Each structure stands twice: as structure tokens, then as C-alpha cells.
Amino acid sequence: MKIRHYIGILLLLMVAFQSCKKDETRAILASGEGIQPASLSLDKNDIALSKDNAGDTVLHLSVVPADFGFQAAVTNVLQFGLKGDNFKTVKEVVIPRGRTALGFTGYELNSYLLALGVPTGTVSEFDVRLKSSINSKITVVYSALAGLKAIPFASTSYLYAIGAYEDWVEANAESLISPTSNGIYTGIINFPEGKLTFKLTPERNWSNSYGETEPGKIVYNGGQDIKAPRAGNLELEVNTTANTISYKDHSWGIIGSASPKGWDADTDMKYDNANQVWKLTVSLTAGEIKFRKNRDWGTNFGGANGTLAAGGANIAVASAGTYDIVLNLNANTYTLTKK
């Protein structure tokens, strides 16, 4: 009996010892002790960017991965920040898992740097580092800083929304525009009922894309299909620096005695993001029309002879027929072309 009793105590002590060792290991990992950060090197530290070299690979980087002391899937994120800003404003680029070398074209690097709000045509200085992580329970580690000087150039960049609203046809995807390549893209898309899902791509193909991790949050080369909150004409704002997406109602339509729904309701137009105009092909009767925003009289345009006037006179439609209508709010013009 005593022997069995002593054996039981010994087994309990061994279990407790092993448990303490495991807890000790977890504590060490969580505190960051014994973890070797990644090292990062750039093939150059001073770059003059321009439209002439925008398609070339202008920067190569190489990485010696972080060592967490055991085999694990490590997520590496390249961070660009303003020199001395301690990454208060940061542009992050996920490095594909397993890659230890990467190159960036002039277009890519230019867009990353402009996302930090720096001016074009003049030298700005940046800090670059690598953030390595395994999961939320283990300390994130950073490489030493690498310095970079660059002269960004002014450019317009695009994202493309490939989705159910246009039957997932890459060539038909609507574009979202960033006029200064600062990472903020806007565009207006008409989402029919039941066709609310899409993804965002830098090109009209599936080489790279943004998906959704939760409503309003996006991630590069990950996540699920993004889902618009409701049907109708929605203005999208995508921020690829903060990795967010937001929506607001933004529609224009025609209303009036010449329109299909008379003065009772609007006939919606469709936005052409590439040319930044609203379009509609519709059957009209002889009569009058006006243009309204968001189906409300708070913002409406009338006019004459192709020139818009805020709150102006009704636009005359001389005869019945099928018309191509174009509303250009940038140029303050409209056209009614009978087919």
C-alpha cells in the first residue's frame, strides 16, 4: 500500500513539473525572450520615382525571417512610415508567406509612399521595417529600421470592383479612383437586389485582391467576398492605408412629365466611373424633366441648351422617343440625344 502511495505522489510531482515547464515556456514566448527578430535589407536607399520608370522594378528587398524558437507559420508585414514619426502614420504591405525576397515597381512604391501624405516632386525620407507575428498571444517583433529617400510623382491610381453586380466579368468591373494615389479610392456602383458581393483588385484580374474580414474592414490577398450593405447606387470609399471600406447613398435620376414615372418618382441613372458622368437610355414622352440627387428635391438641376442650373427651370423634351441622357456634374452640362 505504501509503495503504491509513494508512486502516486511521484507521478503527481512529475505532472506538476511538466506543467510548470510548459507554463514557463509560454511565459517566455509571450514576453518575447529568446525570439530573434527578422532582418531586412534594401538594395538601394535613394530612389527618384517617375512615370518613366513606373513599370520597372525600382526596389528589391531581402529578408532573413524571424526565429521564434520553434516551427510556426509567421506573418510578415512590411511597414512604411515617415522618418522619425514612429509609424504613427503607416502603410502596410503583406509579404506572401515563405518569401524572403521581393521587388516593387515604381507604381507600387509610389502609391505606398503617397499613402503617407507626402508631397510629390520633392525628396521625402521614410523608415521601413518588418513586423513579424504568429498569433495574438505571442509578442510581435520588429526588424531594425531601414532608411529610404524617395521623390514620389503625381499620378492617378485605380481599384476595380469585380463582383456579382456585373456577373463577375473582370472586363466589366467598375473602377474606383484615387486622383493622387494617396490610398483613398472612391467610386459609385449600382448594386441590384441579391447581387451585393464583390472583391477589389488593383488590375482587372485575380492576381491580387482585397477581401473582407468583417463589415467595413478589408485585407490584401485574404478575407471573404466583400458585401455591400444594401442594393441601389452606393458611393464607396476605400482606404488601403487604414484597410477600411465605407458606403453612402449616391444616386441621380430624372423626374418629370416626360419621364417613365412622371412627377411621382425618379428613374435612376447609372454612373460611369471611368468618365465620371451619369448615363441613362430611356423612353421619354414630350414634356419636361429635371435631375435629382438621392430622389429628393434638396439637390436638383434644371437648365436649357445643355447647361445645368441648380434648381433651374424644367428641361424641355420636344418629342417622344428613346434618348441617351448624359449628366456631367463636373462640366455642369447635360445632353439628351434622340436615337
Protein backbone atom coordinates (compact mmCIF):
# COMPACT_ATOMS: atom_id res chain seq x y z
CA MET A 1 0.00 0.00 0.00
CA LYS A 2 2.79 2.43 0.94
CA ILE A 3 4.63 1.72 -2.32
CA ARG A 4 1.54 2.50 -4.38
CA HIS A 5 1.05 5.65 -2.30
CA TYR A 6 4.61 6.85 -2.98
CA ILE A 7 4.33 6.05 -6.68
CA GLY A 8 1.14 8.13 -6.88
CA ILE A 9 2.83 11.10 -5.21
CA LEU A 10 5.81 10.78 -7.58
CA LEU A 11 3.52 10.80 -10.63
CA LEU A 12 1.70 13.90 -9.38
CA LEU A 13 5.02 15.70 -8.87
CA MET A 14 6.16 14.79 -12.42
CA VAL A 15 2.90 16.08 -13.93
CA ALA A 16 3.17 19.29 -11.92
CA PHE A 17 6.80 19.73 -13.02
CA GLN A 18 5.94 19.23 -16.69
CA SER A 19 3.02 21.64 -16.36
CA CYS A 20 5.30 24.26 -14.82
CA LYS A 21 7.80 23.79 -17.66
CA LYS A 22 5.04 24.31 -20.24
CA ASP A 23 3.78 27.40 -18.42
CA GLU A 24 7.35 28.67 -18.24
CA THR A 25 7.77 28.14 -22.00
CA ARG A 26 4.55 30.01 -22.73
CA ALA A 27 5.64 32.85 -20.44
CA ILE A 28 8.97 33.14 -22.21
CA LEU A 29 7.31 33.19 -25.65
CA ALA A 30 4.72 35.71 -24.54
CA SER A 31 7.38 38.03 -23.13
CA GLY A 32 9.46 37.93 -26.30
CA GLU A 33 12.55 36.45 -24.64
CA GLY A 34 14.65 34.28 -26.88
CA ILE A 35 12.94 35.49 -30.07
CA GLN A 36 15.23 36.66 -32.87
CA PRO A 37 13.63 39.47 -34.97
CA ALA A 38 13.83 39.38 -38.74
CA SER A 39 16.46 41.41 -40.55
CA LEU A 40 15.60 43.49 -43.59
CA SER A 41 17.85 44.92 -46.29
CA LEU A 42 17.07 47.16 -49.28
CA ASP A 43 19.13 47.14 -52.46
CA LYS A 44 19.06 50.95 -52.54
CA ASN A 45 18.18 53.74 -50.15
CA ASP A 46 17.67 56.67 -52.51
CA ILE A 47 15.16 56.50 -55.39
CA ALA A 48 13.87 59.09 -57.85
CA LEU A 49 10.45 57.84 -58.94
CA SER A 50 8.90 58.95 -62.20
CA LYS A 51 6.36 57.88 -64.77
CA ASP A 52 9.29 56.83 -66.97
CA ASN A 53 10.38 54.10 -64.54
CA ALA A 54 6.94 53.38 -63.08
CA GLY A 55 6.69 49.98 -64.75
CA ASP A 56 10.20 48.91 -63.75
CA THR A 57 11.18 47.13 -60.56
CA VAL A 58 12.82 50.01 -58.68
CA LEU A 59 13.37 48.45 -55.24
CA HIS A 60 14.38 44.96 -54.12
CA LEU A 61 14.29 43.82 -50.52
CA SER A 62 15.57 40.68 -48.86
CA VAL A 63 14.54 39.20 -45.54
CA VAL A 64 16.12 36.88 -43.00
CA PRO A 65 12.98 35.56 -41.23
CA ALA A 66 12.34 35.98 -37.53
CA ASP A 67 13.15 33.00 -35.29
CA PHE A 68 10.53 32.35 -32.61
CA GLY A 69 12.39 29.31 -31.29
CA PHE A 70 10.07 26.73 -32.83
CA GLN A 71 8.41 25.88 -36.13
CA ALA A 72 5.40 28.12 -36.80
CA ALA A 73 3.64 29.95 -39.62
CA VAL A 74 4.94 33.53 -39.41
CA THR A 75 3.09 36.50 -40.90
CA ASN A 76 5.45 39.20 -42.21
CA VAL A 77 4.20 42.71 -42.91
CA LEU A 78 6.38 45.41 -44.45
CA GLN A 79 5.76 48.82 -42.89
CA PHE A 80 6.50 52.20 -44.48
CA GLY A 81 6.42 55.26 -42.21
CA LEU A 82 7.63 58.84 -42.19
CA LYS A 83 11.17 59.22 -40.86
CA GLY A 84 11.11 59.83 -37.12
CA ASP A 85 7.29 59.55 -36.87
CA ASN A 86 7.48 56.20 -35.04
CA PHE A 87 4.98 54.77 -37.54
CA LYS A 88 2.06 56.87 -36.28
CA THR A 89 1.09 57.01 -39.94
CA VAL A 90 1.90 53.72 -41.61
CA LYS A 91 1.39 51.94 -44.90
CA GLU A 92 1.49 48.15 -44.55
CA VAL A 93 2.19 45.58 -47.26
CA VAL A 94 1.75 41.87 -46.51
CA ILE A 95 4.65 39.73 -47.74
CA PRO A 96 3.48 36.38 -49.12
CA ARG A 97 4.27 33.55 -46.71
CA GLY A 98 7.62 31.90 -47.35
CA ARG A 99 9.01 34.75 -49.46
CA THR A 100 12.42 36.08 -48.47
CA ALA A 101 12.89 38.38 -51.45
CA LEU A 102 10.51 40.85 -53.03
CA GLY A 103 10.58 43.58 -55.67
CA PHE A 104 8.36 46.65 -56.11
CA THR A 105 7.58 48.51 -59.32
CA GLY A 106 7.67 52.29 -59.44
CA TYR A 107 3.87 52.39 -59.49
CA GLU A 108 3.62 50.20 -56.39
CA LEU A 109 6.26 52.03 -54.36
CA ASN A 110 4.92 55.42 -55.43
CA SER A 111 1.41 54.55 -54.25
CA TYR A 112 2.70 53.23 -50.90
CA LEU A 113 4.64 56.43 -50.21
CA LEU A 114 1.87 58.77 -51.35
CA ALA A 115 -0.46 56.97 -48.93
CA LEU A 116 1.61 58.61 -46.17
CA GLY A 117 0.54 62.06 -47.35
CA VAL A 118 3.92 63.27 -48.62
CA PRO A 119 4.22 65.87 -51.42
CA THR A 120 5.14 64.98 -54.98
CA GLY A 121 8.20 66.22 -56.84
CA THR A 122 10.34 66.66 -53.71
CA VAL A 123 12.50 64.41 -51.54
CA SER A 124 10.89 62.80 -48.51
CA GLU A 125 12.53 60.45 -46.02
CA PHE A 126 10.98 57.22 -44.76
CA ASP A 127 11.57 54.48 -42.21
CA VAL A 128 11.00 50.89 -43.34
CA ARG A 129 10.74 47.83 -41.09
CA LEU A 130 9.35 44.32 -40.99
CA LYS A 131 6.68 43.28 -38.49
CA SER A 132 6.65 39.54 -37.71
CA SER A 133 3.90 37.76 -35.79
CA ILE A 134 2.46 34.31 -35.13
CA ASN A 135 -0.71 34.98 -33.18
CA SER A 136 -2.19 37.45 -30.72
CA LYS A 137 -0.74 35.60 -27.69
CA ILE A 138 2.90 35.92 -28.72
CA THR A 139 4.76 39.19 -28.84
CA VAL A 140 5.06 40.92 -32.23
CA VAL A 141 8.68 41.58 -33.17
CA TYR A 142 10.13 44.21 -35.50
CA SER A 143 13.27 44.31 -37.57
CA ALA A 144 15.77 47.13 -37.29
CA LEU A 145 14.86 50.21 -39.34
CA ALA A 146 15.99 50.66 -42.92
CA GLY A 147 16.14 54.20 -44.29
CA LEU A 148 14.72 55.29 -47.62
CA LYS A 149 14.74 58.58 -49.52
CA ALA A 150 12.42 58.98 -52.48
CA ILE A 151 10.80 61.56 -54.73
CA PRO A 152 7.20 60.44 -55.43
CA PHE A 153 5.41 61.61 -58.57
CA ALA A 154 1.81 62.72 -59.05
CA SER A 155 -0.38 60.02 -60.51
CA THR A 156 -3.87 58.62 -60.60
CA SER A 157 -4.42 55.04 -59.48
CA TYR A 158 -7.38 52.69 -59.61
CA LEU A 159 -9.03 49.76 -57.91
CA TYR A 160 -11.55 47.57 -59.70
CA ALA A 161 -14.67 46.06 -58.15
CA ILE A 162 -15.24 42.64 -59.71
CA GLY A 163 -18.49 41.21 -58.46
CA ALA A 164 -21.97 39.78 -58.74
CA TYR A 165 -23.49 43.10 -59.86
CA GLU A 166 -21.76 42.63 -63.24
CA ASP A 167 -21.75 38.80 -63.16
CA TRP A 168 -18.09 38.54 -62.07
CA VAL A 169 -16.76 39.53 -65.50
CA GLU A 170 -13.32 41.08 -65.00
CA ALA A 171 -13.51 43.32 -68.07
CA ASN A 172 -16.82 44.86 -66.91
CA ALA A 173 -15.67 45.76 -63.39
CA GLU A 174 -16.32 49.34 -62.31
CA SER A 175 -13.29 51.40 -61.29
CA LEU A 176 -12.64 53.28 -58.07
CA ILE A 177 -10.33 56.27 -58.47
CA SER A 178 -7.59 57.76 -56.31
CA PRO A 179 -6.69 61.05 -58.07
CA THR A 180 -3.40 61.48 -56.15
CA SER A 181 -2.61 57.82 -55.36
CA ASN A 182 -2.90 58.58 -51.65
CA GLY A 183 -4.58 55.25 -50.86
CA ILE A 184 -8.13 56.65 -50.80
CA TYR A 185 -10.32 55.43 -53.67
CA THR A 186 -13.89 56.43 -54.46
CA GLY A 187 -16.46 55.26 -56.96
CA ILE A 188 -20.20 54.74 -57.40
CA ILE A 189 -21.68 51.32 -58.14
CA ASN A 190 -25.26 50.21 -58.73
CA PHE A 191 -25.93 47.00 -56.80
CA PRO A 192 -29.08 45.09 -57.86
CA GLU A 193 -31.04 43.14 -55.26
CA GLY A 194 -29.32 39.86 -54.44
CA LYS A 195 -26.06 40.85 -56.17
CA LEU A 196 -24.17 42.59 -53.39
CA THR A 197 -20.87 40.65 -53.23
CA PHE A 198 -17.59 41.69 -54.86
CA LYS A 199 -13.83 41.92 -54.39
CA LEU A 200 -11.42 44.76 -55.09
CA THR A 201 -8.41 44.25 -57.37
CA PRO A 202 -5.51 46.52 -58.45
CA GLU A 203 -5.96 45.23 -62.01
CA ARG A 204 -8.90 43.72 -63.86
CA ASN A 205 -7.72 40.21 -62.98
CA TRP A 206 -7.38 37.92 -59.95
CA SER A 207 -3.61 38.14 -59.41
CA ASN A 208 -4.16 40.19 -56.23
CA SER A 209 -7.31 41.26 -54.43
CA TYR A 210 -8.83 42.74 -51.29
CA GLY A 211 -11.37 40.72 -49.32
CA GLU A 212 -13.40 41.45 -46.21
CA THR A 213 -12.58 40.28 -42.67
CA GLU A 214 -15.66 41.92 -41.13
CA PRO A 215 -18.09 44.64 -42.28
CA GLY A 216 -16.08 47.76 -43.07
CA LYS A 217 -12.68 46.03 -42.78
CA ILE A 218 -10.65 44.74 -45.74
CA VAL A 219 -7.41 42.82 -46.12
CA TYR A 220 -4.99 42.38 -49.03
CA ASN A 221 -4.93 38.88 -50.53
CA GLY A 222 -7.23 37.43 -47.89
CA GLY A 223 -10.69 37.55 -46.39
CA GLN A 224 -14.09 36.69 -47.85
CA ASP A 225 -16.12 38.37 -50.59
CA ILE A 226 -16.96 41.96 -49.66
CA LYS A 227 -20.69 42.58 -49.29
CA ALA A 228 -22.41 45.91 -49.91
CA PRO A 229 -24.90 46.79 -47.15
CA ARG A 230 -27.89 47.28 -49.46
CA ALA A 231 -29.00 47.46 -53.09
CA GLY A 232 -29.01 50.65 -55.14
CA ASN A 233 -26.46 53.29 -56.17
CA LEU A 234 -23.81 53.43 -53.46
CA GLU A 235 -20.71 55.60 -53.24
CA LEU A 236 -17.78 53.52 -51.99
CA GLU A 237 -14.74 54.93 -50.20
CA VAL A 238 -11.84 52.52 -49.82
CA ASN A 239 -8.81 53.39 -47.70
CA THR A 240 -5.99 50.95 -48.41
CA THR A 241 -3.82 52.52 -45.69
CA ALA A 242 -6.38 52.01 -42.91
CA ASN A 243 -7.82 48.93 -44.71
CA THR A 244 -11.39 50.18 -44.46
CA ILE A 245 -14.39 50.47 -46.77
CA SER A 246 -17.49 52.62 -46.27
CA TYR A 247 -20.68 53.31 -48.21
CA LYS A 248 -23.24 56.07 -48.63
CA ASP A 249 -26.26 56.55 -50.86
CA HIS A 250 -25.42 58.47 -54.02
CA SER A 251 -27.85 58.39 -56.90
CA TRP A 252 -29.02 60.70 -59.64
CA GLY A 253 -32.15 60.25 -61.67
CA ILE A 254 -34.65 62.01 -63.87
CA ILE A 255 -38.16 63.01 -62.88
CA GLY A 256 -40.88 64.88 -64.72
CA SER A 257 -43.85 64.65 -67.06
CA ALA A 258 -41.66 63.28 -69.88
CA SER A 259 -40.12 60.52 -67.72
CA PRO A 260 -41.50 56.97 -67.29
CA LYS A 261 -42.70 57.62 -63.72
CA GLY A 262 -43.88 61.19 -64.24
CA TRP A 263 -43.51 63.57 -61.29
CA ASP A 264 -44.20 60.76 -58.81
CA ALA A 265 -40.81 59.02 -58.75
CA ASP A 266 -37.29 59.09 -60.19
CA THR A 267 -35.88 56.93 -62.95
CA ASP A 268 -32.34 56.18 -61.76
CA MET A 269 -29.28 56.81 -63.89
CA LYS A 270 -26.09 54.72 -63.84
CA TYR A 271 -22.68 56.19 -63.01
CA ASP A 272 -19.78 55.73 -65.44
CA ASN A 273 -16.78 55.78 -63.10
CA ALA A 274 -14.20 55.84 -65.88
CA ASN A 275 -15.62 59.04 -67.43
CA GLN A 276 -17.21 60.41 -64.23
CA VAL A 277 -20.63 61.01 -65.79
CA TRP A 278 -24.15 59.69 -65.16
CA LYS A 279 -25.87 57.89 -68.04
CA LEU A 280 -29.34 56.63 -68.91
CA THR A 281 -31.01 55.25 -72.02
CA VAL A 282 -34.77 55.70 -71.62
CA SER A 283 -38.05 56.18 -73.48
CA LEU A 284 -39.42 59.70 -72.98
CA THR A 285 -42.64 61.38 -73.99
CA ALA A 286 -42.97 65.05 -74.96
CA GLY A 287 -42.87 67.10 -71.78
CA GLU A 288 -40.31 68.14 -69.16
CA ILE A 289 -37.69 66.61 -66.88
CA LYS A 290 -35.32 67.58 -64.09
CA PHE A 291 -32.34 65.84 -62.50
CA ARG A 292 -32.48 64.98 -58.77
CA LYS A 293 -29.93 63.60 -56.28
CA ASN A 294 -30.95 60.79 -53.94
CA ARG A 295 -34.62 61.07 -55.00
CA ASP A 296 -35.03 64.33 -53.12
CA TRP A 297 -35.70 67.95 -54.09
CA GLY A 298 -32.93 69.17 -51.80
CA THR A 299 -30.47 68.94 -54.72
CA ASN A 300 -31.91 69.25 -58.21
CA PHE A 301 -30.88 70.65 -61.57
CA GLY A 302 -32.82 72.07 -64.46
CA GLY A 303 -31.41 74.07 -67.34
CA ALA A 304 -31.51 74.79 -71.04
CA ASN A 305 -29.39 74.25 -74.16
CA GLY A 306 -27.20 71.66 -72.48
CA THR A 307 -26.20 73.82 -69.47
CA LEU A 308 -27.26 72.81 -65.97
CA ALA A 309 -28.69 75.25 -63.44
CA ALA A 310 -29.08 74.39 -59.75
CA GLY A 311 -32.80 74.49 -59.01
CA GLY A 312 -33.31 75.87 -62.51
CA ALA A 313 -36.17 75.67 -65.00
CA ASN A 314 -37.57 72.34 -66.18
CA ILE A 315 -35.75 70.90 -69.20
CA ALA A 316 -37.99 70.60 -72.22
CA VAL A 317 -38.34 67.34 -74.19
CA ALA A 318 -39.76 68.33 -77.57
CA SER A 319 -40.84 64.91 -78.86
CA ALA A 320 -41.31 61.33 -77.76
CA GLY A 321 -38.63 58.75 -78.40
CA THR A 322 -35.72 56.80 -76.96
CA TYR A 323 -32.98 59.07 -75.59
CA ASP A 324 -29.40 58.67 -74.43
CA ILE A 325 -29.01 61.05 -71.50
CA VAL A 326 -25.64 62.09 -70.07
CA LEU A 327 -25.30 64.20 -66.91
CA ASN A 328 -21.84 65.71 -66.35
CA LEU A 329 -21.71 67.40 -62.95
CA ASN A 330 -18.01 68.26 -63.33
CA ALA A 331 -18.59 70.25 -66.50
CA ASN A 332 -22.10 71.37 -65.41
CA THR A 333 -23.63 70.06 -68.64
CA TYR A 334 -26.22 67.57 -69.87
CA THR A 335 -27.09 66.01 -73.23
CA LEU A 336 -30.33 64.45 -74.49
CA THR A 337 -29.61 62.54 -77.70
CA LYS A 338 -32.57 61.01 -79.51
CA LYS A 339 -31.77 57.61 -81.02
